[in-house]
Amino acid sequence: MTQTQTSDPGRTITTRRISFEAMLEGLPRHYAQDGDLLSSHILAGLSSVFPDGEDFFVRSVRHYRDQITDPVLKRQVAGFIGQESVHGREHRVFNEKLDELGYPTKFVERITKAGLAFRWKFLPKKSSLALTAALEHFTATLAELVMTDEEVRQAFGHDAVRYLFLWHALEESEHKAVAFDVYRAVGGTERMRVWTMKITRVLFLLGSLVELVASLAMDPATYRRGRLRQSIAGIGRTPLLSKKLWDQLCEYDRPGFHPNDRDTSQLIEYWRGELFGDEGALKDKLAASAA
């Protein structure tokens, strides 16, 4: 009998062929709620690392696919690859629009691609899988925040951006444990898992800060009197900077941690209906084969 390797045999991961390109037409430069400066740049920074980050995730998991013996986990890996591939494509479209508006998204894409290519070439492949599992916890944590907090959803401002990140959040929650399960199935150690996250948290936050400062420095609006100060005052009150969010990220360090320790199944079902149900907000954005 084949040993079960998946943590959730009932987990279904659907690849939804979707396009946000038409919705992004006419996107204003400062698209976040009330034209907020910092929020617009923070979201642009996140999006700029997604396409090549998603490609790296796919490569890291696919490298070990032949070592997966559980047919259920194999199907879940296929769904993970499909979802991440579409995420990368749609964020690349968003990044091209942001680049036209003056954000350095394409430059950040090139830097991200080069850095991850270097890592893939010179570091052990299992460490890349450990990094993928760690970053999947980052995205799952942010996804849960997006799906539970109306204030955060409103902060996205423009409908296209809000729905792009909501769709992404839903699918990150659907497959949040797949890379982790693969890492565990191929013998990844607890030591590597935890230390990878400890290092990743620091480097991710430092890298994001440098990217944000550079992006703001290129925006003329940053130098308008009071604009940046007002935006900083507003962002300081958001859940993005809360201790609760940080503590949730740090849960990953706990011995025996598993992504499914946080049950988000009801959230997933709710947003599946809201976005892709009979009256779902994004149902008409799906390709016919995925509807």
C-alpha atoms as a PDB file:
ATOM      1  CA  MET A   1       0.000   0.000   0.000  1.00  0.00           C
ATOM      2  CA  THR A   2       1.317   3.455  -0.956  1.00  0.00           C
ATOM      3  CA  GLN A   3       2.190   5.577   2.055  1.00  0.00           C
ATOM      4  CA  THR A   4       0.099   8.723   2.381  1.00  0.00           C
ATOM      5  CA  GLN A   5       2.323  11.785   1.966  1.00  0.00           C
ATOM      6  CA  THR A   6      -0.267  14.537   1.736  1.00  0.00           C
ATOM      7  CA  SER A   7      -1.458  16.207   4.921  1.00  0.00           C
ATOM      8  CA  ASP A   8      -4.952  16.667   3.494  1.00  0.00           C
ATOM      9  CA  PRO A   9      -6.319  13.961   1.157  1.00  0.00           C
ATOM     10  CA  GLY A  10      -9.499  15.994   0.623  1.00  0.00           C
ATOM     11  CA  ARG A  11      -7.674  19.111  -0.594  1.00  0.00           C
ATOM     12  CA  THR A  12      -8.615  20.163  -4.120  1.00  0.00           C
ATOM     13  CA  ILE A  13      -6.490  22.646  -6.035  1.00  0.00           C
ATOM     14  CA  THR A  14      -8.083  24.054  -9.174  1.00  0.00           C
ATOM     15  CA  THR A  15      -6.101  25.880 -11.842  1.00  0.00           C
ATOM     16  CA  ARG A  16      -8.285  28.828 -12.831  1.00  0.00           C
ATOM     17  CA  ARG A  17      -7.365  30.366 -16.181  1.00  0.00           C
ATOM     18  CA  ILE A  18      -8.147  34.007 -15.525  1.00  0.00           C
ATOM     19  CA  SER A  19      -7.180  37.372 -16.983  1.00  0.00           C
ATOM     20  CA  PHE A  20      -7.110  40.779 -15.304  1.00  0.00           C
ATOM     21  CA  GLU A  21      -5.653  42.661 -18.273  1.00  0.00           C
ATOM     22  CA  ALA A  22      -8.902  44.340 -19.320  1.00  0.00           C
ATOM     23  CA  MET A  23      -9.700  45.352 -15.725  1.00  0.00           C
ATOM     24  CA  LEU A  24      -6.306  47.055 -15.415  1.00  0.00           C
ATOM     25  CA  GLU A  25      -6.941  49.464 -18.276  1.00  0.00           C
ATOM     26  CA  GLY A  26      -6.980  53.031 -17.024  1.00  0.00           C
ATOM     27  CA  LEU A  27      -5.219  52.170 -13.756  1.00  0.00           C
ATOM     28  CA  PRO A  28      -4.172  55.449 -12.082  1.00  0.00           C
ATOM     29  CA  ARG A  29      -0.610  55.882 -10.848  1.00  0.00           C
ATOM     30  CA  HIS A  30      -1.617  55.928  -7.180  1.00  0.00           C
ATOM     31  CA  TYR A  31      -4.307  53.282  -7.335  1.00  0.00           C
ATOM     32  CA  ALA A  32      -4.574  52.415  -3.620  1.00  0.00           C
ATOM     33  CA  GLN A  33      -7.448  53.723  -1.505  1.00  0.00           C
ATOM     34  CA  ASP A  34      -7.641  57.532  -1.602  1.00  0.00           C
ATOM     35  CA  GLY A  35      -4.555  57.590  -3.818  1.00  0.00           C
ATOM     36  CA  ASP A  36      -2.356  56.574  -0.879  1.00  0.00           C
ATOM     37  CA  LEU A  37       1.317  56.876  -1.763  1.00  0.00           C
ATOM     38  CA  LEU A  38       2.877  54.210   0.471  1.00  0.00           C
ATOM     39  CA  SER A  39       0.179  51.592  -0.094  1.00  0.00           C
ATOM     40  CA  SER A  40       0.531  51.937  -3.863  1.00  0.00           C
ATOM     41  CA  HIS A  41       4.295  51.439  -3.680  1.00  0.00           C
ATOM     42  CA  ILE A  42       4.110  48.577  -1.159  1.00  0.00           C
ATOM     43  CA  LEU A  43       1.687  46.635  -3.345  1.00  0.00           C
ATOM     44  CA  ALA A  44       3.788  47.348  -6.432  1.00  0.00           C
ATOM     45  CA  GLY A  45       6.834  46.036  -4.585  1.00  0.00           C
ATOM     46  CA  LEU A  46       5.066  42.826  -3.609  1.00  0.00           C
ATOM     47  CA  SER A  47       3.809  42.262  -7.123  1.00  0.00           C
ATOM     48  CA  SER A  48       7.239  42.866  -8.650  1.00  0.00           C
ATOM     49  CA  VAL A  49       8.760  39.838  -6.892  1.00  0.00           C
ATOM     50  CA  PHE A  50       5.847  37.492  -7.556  1.00  0.00           C
ATOM     51  CA  PRO A  51       6.385  36.391 -11.200  1.00  0.00           C
ATOM     52  CA  ASP A  52       9.934  35.102 -10.817  1.00  0.00           C
ATOM     53  CA  GLY A  53       9.247  34.047  -7.246  1.00  0.00           C
ATOM     54  CA  GLU A  54       6.363  31.872  -8.470  1.00  0.00           C
ATOM     55  CA  ASP A  55       8.591  30.425 -11.205  1.00  0.00           C
ATOM     56  CA  PHE A  56      11.146  29.531  -8.531  1.00  0.00           C
ATOM     57  CA  PHE A  57       8.476  27.867  -6.376  1.00  0.00           C
ATOM     58  CA  VAL A  58       7.337  25.773  -9.324  1.00  0.00           C
ATOM     59  CA  ARG A  59      10.906  24.771 -10.185  1.00  0.00           C
ATOM     60  CA  SER A  60      11.690  23.825  -6.570  1.00  0.00           C
ATOM     61  CA  VAL A  61       8.623  21.606  -6.166  1.00  0.00           C
ATOM     62  CA  ARG A  62       8.798  20.108  -9.670  1.00  0.00           C
ATOM     63  CA  HIS A  63      12.403  19.040  -9.039  1.00  0.00           C
ATOM     64  CA  TYR A  64      11.141  16.534  -6.438  1.00  0.00           C
ATOM     65  CA  ARG A  65       7.942  15.447  -8.165  1.00  0.00           C
ATOM     66  CA  ASP A  66       9.405  12.086  -9.201  1.00  0.00           C
ATOM     67  CA  GLN A  67      10.097  11.273  -5.529  1.00  0.00           C
ATOM     68  CA  ILE A  68       6.428  11.633  -4.604  1.00  0.00           C
ATOM     69  CA  THR A  69       4.784   8.214  -4.347  1.00  0.00           C
ATOM     70  CA  ASP A  70       1.370   9.312  -3.087  1.00  0.00           C
ATOM     71  CA  PRO A  71      -0.936   9.793  -6.108  1.00  0.00           C
ATOM     72  CA  VAL A  72      -3.055  12.306  -4.168  1.00  0.00           C
ATOM     73  CA  LEU A  73      -0.066  14.517  -3.390  1.00  0.00           C
ATOM     74  CA  LYS A  74       1.050  14.164  -7.017  1.00  0.00           C
ATOM     75  CA  ARG A  75      -2.305  15.612  -8.130  1.00  0.00           C
ATOM     76  CA  GLN A  76      -2.003  18.390  -5.570  1.00  0.00           C
ATOM     77  CA  VAL A  77       1.491  19.204  -6.865  1.00  0.00           C
ATOM     78  CA  ALA A  78       0.054  19.458 -10.386  1.00  0.00           C
ATOM     79  CA  GLY A  79      -2.585  21.874  -9.071  1.00  0.00           C
ATOM     80  CA  PHE A  80       0.070  23.878  -7.211  1.00  0.00           C
ATOM     81  CA  ILE A  81       2.151  24.200 -10.375  1.00  0.00           C
ATOM     82  CA  GLY A  82      -0.885  25.249 -12.400  1.00  0.00           C
ATOM     83  CA  GLN A  83      -2.000  27.890  -9.910  1.00  0.00           C
ATOM     84  CA  GLU A  84       1.468  29.350  -9.396  1.00  0.00           C
ATOM     85  CA  SER A  85       2.058  29.556 -13.141  1.00  0.00           C
ATOM     86  CA  VAL A  86      -1.107  31.611 -13.638  1.00  0.00           C
ATOM     87  CA  HIS A  87      -0.208  33.816 -10.648  1.00  0.00           C
ATOM     88  CA  GLY A  88       3.143  34.607 -12.236  1.00  0.00           C
ATOM     89  CA  ARG A  89       1.548  35.431 -15.577  1.00  0.00           C
ATOM     90  CA  GLU A  90      -1.098  37.761 -14.157  1.00  0.00           C
ATOM     91  CA  HIS A  91       1.301  39.609 -11.868  1.00  0.00           C
ATOM     92  CA  ARG A  92       3.642  40.066 -14.829  1.00  0.00           C
ATOM     93  CA  VAL A  93       0.780  41.779 -16.671  1.00  0.00           C
ATOM     94  CA  PHE A  94       0.145  43.974 -13.615  1.00  0.00           C
ATOM     95  CA  ASN A  95       3.863  44.760 -13.368  1.00  0.00           C
ATOM     96  CA  GLU A  96       3.985  45.851 -16.995  1.00  0.00           C
ATOM     97  CA  LYS A  97       1.150  48.281 -16.304  1.00  0.00           C
ATOM     98  CA  LEU A  98       2.933  49.553 -13.178  1.00  0.00           C
ATOM     99  CA  ASP A  99       6.146  49.959 -15.163  1.00  0.00           C
ATOM    100  CA  GLU A 100       4.266  52.181 -17.630  1.00  0.00           C
ATOM    101  CA  LEU A 101       3.122  54.262 -14.659  1.00  0.00           C
ATOM    102  CA  GLY A 102       6.681  54.803 -13.451  1.00  0.00           C
ATOM    103  CA  TYR A 103       7.216  52.045 -10.871  1.00  0.00           C
ATOM    104  CA  PRO A 104      10.517  50.087 -11.079  1.00  0.00           C
ATOM    105  CA  THR A 105       8.703  46.737 -11.264  1.00  0.00           C
ATOM    106  CA  LYS A 106      10.472  45.370 -14.338  1.00  0.00           C
ATOM    107  CA  PHE A 107      13.873  46.236 -12.879  1.00  0.00           C
ATOM    108  CA  VAL A 108      12.959  44.425  -9.648  1.00  0.00           C
ATOM    109  CA  GLU A 109      11.774  41.446 -11.696  1.00  0.00           C
ATOM    110  CA  ARG A 110      15.211  41.213 -13.343  1.00  0.00           C
ATOM    111  CA  ILE A 111      17.016  41.459  -9.991  1.00  0.00           C
ATOM    112  CA  THR A 112      14.733  38.801  -8.469  1.00  0.00           C
ATOM    113  CA  LYS A 113      15.220  36.470 -11.414  1.00  0.00           C
ATOM    114  CA  ALA A 114      19.012  36.796 -11.285  1.00  0.00           C
ATOM    115  CA  GLY A 115      19.172  36.276  -7.514  1.00  0.00           C
ATOM    116  CA  LEU A 116      16.984  33.180  -7.568  1.00  0.00           C
ATOM    117  CA  ALA A 117      18.860  31.750 -10.570  1.00  0.00           C
ATOM    118  CA  PHE A 118      22.137  32.160  -8.657  1.00  0.00           C
ATOM    119  CA  ARG A 119      20.634  30.463  -5.621  1.00  0.00           C
ATOM    120  CA  TRP A 120      19.293  27.569  -7.696  1.00  0.00           C
ATOM    121  CA  LYS A 121      22.669  27.015  -9.348  1.00  0.00           C
ATOM    122  CA  PHE A 122      24.918  27.130  -6.300  1.00  0.00           C
ATOM    123  CA  LEU A 123      22.879  26.000  -3.284  1.00  0.00           C
ATOM    124  CA  PRO A 124      21.395  22.547  -2.532  1.00  0.00           C
ATOM    125  CA  LYS A 125      18.049  21.929  -4.193  1.00  0.00           C
ATOM    126  CA  LYS A 126      16.510  20.904  -0.890  1.00  0.00           C
ATOM    127  CA  SER A 127      17.357  24.343   0.513  1.00  0.00           C
ATOM    128  CA  SER A 128      15.407  25.865  -2.376  1.00  0.00           C
ATOM    129  CA  LEU A 129      12.443  23.682  -1.450  1.00  0.00           C
ATOM    130  CA  ALA A 130      12.825  24.814   2.179  1.00  0.00           C
ATOM    131  CA  LEU A 131      12.806  28.434   1.004  1.00  0.00           C
ATOM    132  CA  THR A 132       9.696  27.765  -1.074  1.00  0.00           C
ATOM    133  CA  ALA A 133       7.893  26.281   1.942  1.00  0.00           C
ATOM    134  CA  ALA A 134       8.931  29.272   4.065  1.00  0.00           C
ATOM    135  CA  LEU A 135       7.769  31.846   1.532  1.00  0.00           C
ATOM    136  CA  GLU A 136       4.523  29.948   1.051  1.00  0.00           C
ATOM    137  CA  HIS A 137       3.917  30.584   4.756  1.00  0.00           C
ATOM    138  CA  PHE A 138       4.517  34.289   4.121  1.00  0.00           C
ATOM    139  CA  THR A 139       1.969  34.353   1.313  1.00  0.00           C
ATOM    140  CA  ALA A 140      -0.532  32.219   3.227  1.00  0.00           C
ATOM    141  CA  THR A 141      -0.283  34.540   6.234  1.00  0.00           C
ATOM    142  CA  LEU A 142      -0.860  37.627   4.097  1.00  0.00           C
ATOM    143  CA  ALA A 143      -3.626  35.804   2.229  1.00  0.00           C
ATOM    144  CA  GLU A 144      -5.470  35.081   5.458  1.00  0.00           C
ATOM    145  CA  LEU A 145      -5.209  38.750   6.413  1.00  0.00           C
ATOM    146  CA  VAL A 146      -6.618  39.834   3.041  1.00  0.00           C
ATOM    147  CA  MET A 147      -9.514  37.388   3.249  1.00  0.00           C
ATOM    148  CA  THR A 148     -10.474  38.253   6.828  1.00  0.00           C
ATOM    149  CA  ASP A 149      -9.951  42.011   7.084  1.00  0.00           C
ATOM    150  CA  GLU A 150     -12.276  44.357   5.183  1.00  0.00           C
ATOM    151  CA  GLU A 151     -10.042  47.338   5.995  1.00  0.00           C
ATOM    152  CA  VAL A 152      -7.131  45.651   4.235  1.00  0.00           C
ATOM    153  CA  ARG A 153      -9.261  44.785   1.207  1.00  0.00           C
ATOM    154  CA  GLN A 154     -10.464  48.373   0.901  1.00  0.00           C
ATOM    155  CA  ALA A 155      -6.872  49.628   1.109  1.00  0.00           C
ATOM    156  CA  PHE A 156      -6.171  48.064  -2.313  1.00  0.00           C
ATOM    157  CA  GLY A 157      -8.326  50.789  -3.805  1.00  0.00           C
ATOM    158  CA  HIS A 158      -8.812  50.048  -7.502  1.00  0.00           C
ATOM    159  CA  ASP A 159     -11.159  47.100  -8.156  1.00  0.00           C
ATOM    160  CA  ALA A 160      -8.733  45.340 -10.489  1.00  0.00           C
ATOM    161  CA  VAL A 161      -5.946  45.414  -7.892  1.00  0.00           C
ATOM    162  CA  ARG A 162      -8.262  44.328  -5.085  1.00  0.00           C
ATOM    163  CA  TYR A 163      -9.599  41.368  -7.054  1.00  0.00           C
ATOM    164  CA  LEU A 164      -6.158  40.404  -8.354  1.00  0.00           C
ATOM    165  CA  PHE A 165      -4.857  40.099  -4.795  1.00  0.00           C
ATOM    166  CA  LEU A 166      -8.059  38.467  -3.509  1.00  0.00           C
ATOM    167  CA  TRP A 167      -7.891  35.770  -6.193  1.00  0.00           C
ATOM    168  CA  HIS A 168      -4.212  35.267  -5.420  1.00  0.00           C
ATOM    169  CA  ALA A 169      -4.985  35.079  -1.690  1.00  0.00           C
ATOM    170  CA  LEU A 170      -7.664  32.432  -2.213  1.00  0.00           C
ATOM    171  CA  GLU A 171      -5.379  30.190  -4.240  1.00  0.00           C
ATOM    172  CA  GLU A 172      -2.421  30.649  -1.892  1.00  0.00           C
ATOM    173  CA  SER A 173      -4.693  29.435   0.887  1.00  0.00           C
ATOM    174  CA  GLU A 174      -5.864  26.476  -1.185  1.00  0.00           C
ATOM    175  CA  HIS A 175      -2.321  25.205  -1.794  1.00  0.00           C
ATOM    176  CA  LYS A 176      -0.558  26.599   1.290  1.00  0.00           C
ATOM    177  CA  ALA A 177       0.627  23.181   2.534  1.00  0.00           C
ATOM    178  CA  VAL A 178       1.697  21.557  -0.750  1.00  0.00           C
ATOM    179  CA  ALA A 179       5.341  22.683  -0.835  1.00  0.00           C
ATOM    180  CA  PHE A 180       5.580  21.910   2.897  1.00  0.00           C
ATOM    181  CA  ASP A 181       4.216  18.394   2.351  1.00  0.00           C
ATOM    182  CA  VAL A 182       6.681  17.800  -0.484  1.00  0.00           C
ATOM    183  CA  TYR A 183       9.554  19.057   1.683  1.00  0.00           C
ATOM    184  CA  ARG A 184       8.546  16.680   4.452  1.00  0.00           C
ATOM    185  CA  ALA A 185       7.979  13.778   2.042  1.00  0.00           C
ATOM    186  CA  VAL A 186      11.508  14.018   0.595  1.00  0.00           C
ATOM    187  CA  GLY A 187      13.178  14.105   3.997  1.00  0.00           C
ATOM    188  CA  GLY A 188      13.652  17.800   4.645  1.00  0.00           C
ATOM    189  CA  THR A 189      14.896  18.386   8.184  1.00  0.00           C
ATOM    190  CA  GLU A 190      13.325  20.520  10.894  1.00  0.00           C
ATOM    191  CA  ARG A 191      16.627  22.318  11.391  1.00  0.00           C
ATOM    192  CA  MET A 192      16.828  23.442   7.765  1.00  0.00           C
ATOM    193  CA  ARG A 193      13.126  24.349   7.739  1.00  0.00           C
ATOM    194  CA  VAL A 194      13.296  26.599  10.803  1.00  0.00           C
ATOM    195  CA  TRP A 195      16.624  28.288  10.044  1.00  0.00           C
ATOM    196  CA  THR A 196      15.576  28.945   6.471  1.00  0.00           C
ATOM    197  CA  MET A 197      12.556  30.838   7.775  1.00  0.00           C
ATOM    198  CA  LYS A 198      14.539  32.771  10.392  1.00  0.00           C
ATOM    199  CA  ILE A 199      16.948  34.023   7.719  1.00  0.00           C
ATOM    200  CA  THR A 200      14.191  34.576   5.152  1.00  0.00           C
ATOM    201  CA  ARG A 201      12.128  36.780   7.479  1.00  0.00           C
ATOM    202  CA  VAL A 202      15.025  39.161   8.021  1.00  0.00           C
ATOM    203  CA  LEU A 203      16.179  39.274   4.397  1.00  0.00           C
ATOM    204  CA  PHE A 204      12.646  39.625   3.048  1.00  0.00           C
ATOM    205  CA  LEU A 205      11.854  42.571   5.303  1.00  0.00           C
ATOM    206  CA  LEU A 206      15.180  44.295   4.616  1.00  0.00           C
ATOM    207  CA  GLY A 207      14.860  43.724   0.879  1.00  0.00           C
ATOM    208  CA  SER A 208      11.290  45.020   0.867  1.00  0.00           C
ATOM    209  CA  LEU A 209      12.343  48.155   2.747  1.00  0.00           C
ATOM    210  CA  VAL A 210      15.196  48.905   0.326  1.00  0.00           C
ATOM    211  CA  GLU A 211      12.888  48.324  -2.619  1.00  0.00           C
ATOM    212  CA  LEU A 212      10.210  50.596  -1.127  1.00  0.00           C
ATOM    213  CA  VAL A 213      12.660  53.451  -0.492  1.00  0.00           C
ATOM    214  CA  ALA A 214      14.066  53.191  -4.024  1.00  0.00           C
ATOM    215  CA  SER A 215      10.586  53.128  -5.543  1.00  0.00           C
ATOM    216  CA  LEU A 216       9.433  56.148  -3.532  1.00  0.00           C
ATOM    217  CA  ALA A 217      12.585  58.060  -4.483  1.00  0.00           C
ATOM    218  CA  MET A 218      11.581  57.782  -8.157  1.00  0.00           C
ATOM    219  CA  ASP A 219       8.070  59.151  -7.589  1.00  0.00           C
ATOM    220  CA  PRO A 220       7.659  62.950  -7.783  1.00  0.00           C
ATOM    221  CA  ALA A 221       4.660  62.714  -5.450  1.00  0.00           C
ATOM    222  CA  THR A 222       7.013  61.690  -2.630  1.00  0.00           C
ATOM    223  CA  TYR A 223       8.476  65.202  -2.603  1.00  0.00           C
ATOM    224  CA  ARG A 224       5.173  67.064  -2.407  1.00  0.00           C
ATOM    225  CA  ARG A 225       4.870  68.723   0.956  1.00  0.00           C
ATOM    226  CA  GLY A 226       3.111  66.564   3.536  1.00  0.00           C
ATOM    227  CA  ARG A 227       2.254  63.730   1.131  1.00  0.00           C
ATOM    228  CA  LEU A 228       4.696  61.157   2.469  1.00  0.00           C
ATOM    229  CA  ARG A 229       4.174  62.161   6.117  1.00  0.00           C
ATOM    230  CA  GLN A 230       0.419  61.748   5.786  1.00  0.00           C
ATOM    231  CA  SER A 231       0.828  58.348   4.145  1.00  0.00           C
ATOM    232  CA  ILE A 232       3.233  57.124   6.837  1.00  0.00           C
ATOM    233  CA  ALA A 233       0.757  58.152   9.547  1.00  0.00           C
ATOM    234  CA  GLY A 234      -1.985  56.159   7.836  1.00  0.00           C
ATOM    235  CA  ILE A 235       0.048  53.018   7.150  1.00  0.00           C
ATOM    236  CA  GLY A 236       1.176  52.858  10.768  1.00  0.00           C
ATOM    237  CA  ARG A 237      -2.374  52.024  11.823  1.00  0.00           C
ATOM    238  CA  THR A 238      -2.881  49.112   9.422  1.00  0.00           C
ATOM    239  CA  PRO A 239      -2.843  45.396  10.384  1.00  0.00           C
ATOM    240  CA  LEU A 240       0.148  44.933   8.063  1.00  0.00           C
ATOM    241  CA  LEU A 241       2.407  46.290  10.805  1.00  0.00           C
ATOM    242  CA  SER A 242       0.687  44.579  13.711  1.00  0.00           C
ATOM    243  CA  LYS A 243       2.337  42.305  16.263  1.00  0.00           C
ATOM    244  CA  LYS A 244      -0.387  39.763  15.551  1.00  0.00           C
ATOM    245  CA  LEU A 245       0.747  39.400  11.949  1.00  0.00           C
ATOM    246  CA  TRP A 246       4.394  39.119  12.985  1.00  0.00           C
ATOM    247  CA  ASP A 247       3.528  36.457  15.589  1.00  0.00           C
ATOM    248  CA  GLN A 248       1.673  34.482  12.929  1.00  0.00           C
ATOM    249  CA  LEU A 249       4.738  34.576  10.671  1.00  0.00           C
ATOM    250  CA  CYS A 250       6.856  33.358  13.599  1.00  0.00           C
ATOM    251  CA  GLU A 251       4.551  30.379  14.224  1.00  0.00           C
ATOM    252  CA  TYR A 252       6.540  28.647  11.496  1.00  0.00           C
ATOM    253  CA  ASP A 253       9.497  28.319  13.894  1.00  0.00           C
ATOM    254  CA  ARG A 254       7.554  26.141  16.316  1.00  0.00           C
ATOM    255  CA  PRO A 255       8.718  22.496  16.493  1.00  0.00           C
ATOM    256  CA  GLY A 256       6.246  20.312  14.633  1.00  0.00           C
ATOM    257  CA  PHE A 257       4.580  23.254  12.893  1.00  0.00           C
ATOM    258  CA  HIS A 258       2.365  22.521   9.900  1.00  0.00           C
ATOM    259  CA  PRO A 259       0.525  25.072   7.678  1.00  0.00           C
ATOM    260  CA  ASN A 260      -2.767  23.286   8.294  1.00  0.00           C
ATOM    261  CA  ASP A 261      -2.489  24.062  12.019  1.00  0.00           C
ATOM    262  CA  ARG A 262      -4.432  27.185  11.055  1.00  0.00           C
ATOM    263  CA  ASP A 263      -7.760  26.010   9.667  1.00  0.00           C
ATOM    264  CA  THR A 264      -8.770  28.350   6.845  1.00  0.00           C
ATOM    265  CA  SER A 265     -11.200  25.932   5.165  1.00  0.00           C
ATOM    266  CA  GLN A 266     -14.261  28.082   5.884  1.00  0.00           C
ATOM    267  CA  LEU A 267     -12.523  31.173   4.522  1.00  0.00           C
ATOM    268  CA  ILE A 268     -11.620  29.271   1.377  1.00  0.00           C
ATOM    269  CA  GLU A 269     -15.174  28.063   0.840  1.00  0.00           C
ATOM    270  CA  TYR A 270     -16.569  31.556   1.399  1.00  0.00           C
ATOM    271  CA  TRP A 271     -14.253  33.230  -1.108  1.00  0.00           C
ATOM    272  CA  ARG A 272     -14.648  30.467  -3.663  1.00  0.00           C
ATOM    273  CA  GLY A 273     -18.324  31.321  -3.672  1.00  0.00           C
ATOM    274  CA  GLU A 274     -17.825  35.088  -3.611  1.00  0.00           C
ATOM    275  CA  LEU A 275     -15.346  35.062  -6.487  1.00  0.00           C
ATOM    276  CA  PHE A 276     -16.291  32.026  -8.602  1.00  0.00           C
ATOM    277  CA  GLY A 277     -19.766  30.896  -7.545  1.00  0.00           C
ATOM    278  CA  ASP A 278     -22.863  31.298  -9.701  1.00  0.00           C
ATOM    279  CA  GLU A 279     -22.894  35.033  -8.976  1.00  0.00           C
ATOM    280  CA  GLY A 280     -19.151  35.265  -8.343  1.00  0.00           C
ATOM    281  CA  ALA A 281     -17.431  38.589  -8.971  1.00  0.00           C
ATOM    282  CA  LEU A 282     -14.730  37.010 -11.161  1.00  0.00           C
ATOM    283  CA  LYS A 283     -16.656  34.196 -12.823  1.00  0.00           C
ATOM    284  CA  ASP A 284     -16.799  36.089 -16.125  1.00  0.00           C
ATOM    285  CA  LYS A 285     -13.004  36.567 -16.070  1.00  0.00           C
ATOM    286  CA  LEU A 286     -12.377  32.822 -16.307  1.00  0.00           C
ATOM    287  CA  ALA A 287     -11.480  31.137 -19.578  1.00  0.00           C
ATOM    288  CA  ALA A 288     -14.290  28.884 -20.780  1.00  0.00           C
ATOM    289  CA  SER A 289     -12.336  25.721 -19.949  1.00  0.00           C
ATOM    290  CA  ALA A 290     -11.926  26.796 -16.316  1.00  0.00           C
ATOM    291  CA  ALA A 291     -15.393  28.186 -15.657  1.00  0.00           C
END
